Amino acid sequence: MLRPSFALLGAATLSLTVAIAPPVLAEREVEVARDSRGRVYTADMDSRRFYTNSNGITQVDFSLSTRGDDYWHKATASCNPYDVKSEYYGWDWSGTKSYPPGTVGGDIARAVCRR
């Protein structure tokens, strides 16, 4: 009678092991910006998907992270005006404003918009 419970315990352990997956690594992780507190933002350049929205503006969906964070987070960049939207970081579109070079939003958008 001990044998069936051992088999069930082994099956439960196996299913838990399979359910926990390690973070995905990016092949082309590029530093794209640094904020005033020294936080370094990186983008997975292999994850980029370019498209044109209904207003004729080129946008890019991509994965964004910060140095030390093991996970990637979805983000979207607008390529003109330069802007970045990310639910994870709490960033929304600024409207018609284009962030200049040297700002976090401007540097991220310019980096991922470059083909």
Protein backbone atom coordinates (compact mmCIF):
# COMPACT_ATOMS: atom_id res chain seq x y z
CA MET A 1 0.00 0.00 0.00
CA LEU A 2 2.95 2.25 0.39
CA ARG A 3 3.80 2.06 -3.30
CA PRO A 4 0.72 3.86 -4.79
CA SER A 5 1.08 6.86 -2.46
CA PHE A 6 4.75 7.12 -3.42
CA ALA A 7 3.80 7.16 -7.11
CA LEU A 8 1.26 9.92 -6.50
CA LEU A 9 3.80 11.98 -4.57
CA GLY A 10 6.30 11.57 -7.41
CA ALA A 11 3.73 12.65 -10.00
CA ALA A 12 2.81 15.73 -7.96
CA THR A 13 6.47 16.67 -7.61
CA LEU A 14 7.03 16.25 -11.34
CA SER A 15 4.08 18.46 -12.25
CA LEU A 16 5.28 21.21 -9.91
CA THR A 17 8.76 21.09 -11.39
CA VAL A 18 7.44 21.48 -14.92
CA ALA A 19 5.16 24.38 -13.94
CA ILE A 20 8.03 26.53 -12.68
CA ALA A 21 10.00 27.85 -15.63
CA PRO A 22 13.11 30.02 -15.47
CA PRO A 23 13.07 33.55 -16.96
CA VAL A 24 13.66 33.82 -20.69
CA LEU A 25 17.02 35.26 -21.74
CA ALA A 26 17.31 37.76 -24.58
CA GLU A 27 19.97 37.28 -27.20
CA ARG A 28 20.21 40.97 -28.06
CA GLU A 29 19.67 42.78 -24.78
CA VAL A 30 20.68 46.41 -25.26
CA GLU A 31 21.02 49.20 -22.70
CA VAL A 32 18.64 51.90 -23.92
CA ALA A 33 18.35 54.44 -21.07
CA ARG A 34 19.44 55.36 -17.55
CA ASP A 35 17.33 57.43 -15.17
CA SER A 36 18.47 60.01 -12.60
CA ARG A 37 18.55 57.33 -9.85
CA GLY A 38 20.94 55.19 -11.89
CA ARG A 39 18.36 52.58 -12.95
CA VAL A 40 19.45 51.05 -16.26
CA TYR A 41 16.71 50.15 -18.76
CA THR A 42 17.36 47.39 -21.28
CA ALA A 43 15.39 46.32 -24.34
CA ASP A 44 15.23 42.95 -26.06
CA MET A 45 15.89 44.00 -29.65
CA ASP A 46 14.90 40.53 -30.93
CA SER A 47 11.38 40.99 -29.53
CA ARG A 48 10.59 44.13 -31.57
CA ARG A 49 7.53 44.15 -33.84
CA PHE A 50 7.09 47.23 -36.05
CA TYR A 51 3.69 48.35 -37.36
CA THR A 52 1.79 51.49 -38.40
CA ASN A 53 -1.21 52.52 -36.28
CA SER A 54 -4.50 53.97 -37.58
CA ASN A 55 -3.03 57.52 -37.43
CA GLY A 56 -0.11 56.55 -39.69
CA ILE A 57 2.44 56.58 -36.83
CA THR A 58 5.06 53.84 -36.74
CA GLN A 59 5.03 52.02 -33.42
CA VAL A 60 7.07 49.17 -31.96
CA ASP A 61 5.98 46.51 -29.50
CA PHE A 62 8.99 45.20 -27.56
CA SER A 63 10.16 43.76 -24.23
CA LEU A 64 11.67 46.10 -21.62
CA SER A 65 13.44 45.40 -18.34
CA THR A 66 15.80 47.00 -15.85
CA ARG A 67 19.21 45.71 -14.89
CA GLY A 68 18.78 43.23 -12.06
CA ASP A 69 15.19 42.32 -13.03
CA ASP A 70 15.04 38.74 -14.32
CA TYR A 71 11.82 39.32 -16.26
CA TRP A 72 10.78 41.14 -19.42
CA HIS A 73 7.75 43.44 -19.52
CA LYS A 74 5.64 44.46 -22.52
CA ALA A 75 6.06 47.99 -23.80
CA THR A 76 5.20 50.01 -26.91
CA ALA A 77 7.20 52.87 -28.41
CA SER A 78 5.94 55.56 -30.75
CA CYS A 79 8.52 56.50 -33.38
CA ASN A 80 7.38 60.05 -34.17
CA PRO A 81 6.51 61.62 -31.78
CA TYR A 82 8.93 59.67 -29.58
CA ASP A 83 7.01 58.25 -26.64
CA VAL A 84 6.82 55.02 -24.59
CA LYS A 85 3.88 53.20 -23.05
CA SER A 86 4.27 50.41 -20.46
CA GLU A 87 1.61 49.17 -18.05
CA TYR A 88 4.24 47.55 -15.83
CA TYR A 89 6.21 50.80 -15.37
CA GLY A 90 3.04 52.93 -15.19
CA TRP A 91 3.84 54.92 -18.34
CA ASP A 92 1.06 56.06 -20.65
CA TRP A 93 1.11 58.09 -23.86
CA SER A 94 1.97 61.74 -23.27
CA GLY A 95 -0.26 62.86 -26.15
CA THR A 96 1.40 64.81 -28.93
CA LYS A 97 4.56 65.49 -26.91
CA SER A 98 7.80 63.99 -28.22
CA TYR A 99 10.36 63.22 -25.52
CA PRO A 100 13.77 64.71 -26.39
CA PRO A 101 17.06 62.80 -26.38
CA GLY A 102 18.50 62.50 -22.87
CA THR A 103 15.15 61.63 -21.28
CA VAL A 104 14.23 58.05 -20.35
CA GLY A 105 11.21 57.95 -22.67
CA GLY A 106 13.04 59.66 -25.51
CA ASP A 107 16.12 57.43 -25.28
CA ILE A 108 14.08 54.22 -25.08
CA ALA A 109 11.86 55.16 -28.03
CA ARG A 110 14.77 56.25 -30.22
CA ALA A 111 16.73 53.06 -29.48
CA VAL A 112 13.92 50.63 -30.26
CA CYS A 113 12.68 52.60 -33.28
CA ARG A 114 16.06 52.33 -35.02
CA ARG A 115 15.93 49.51 -37.53
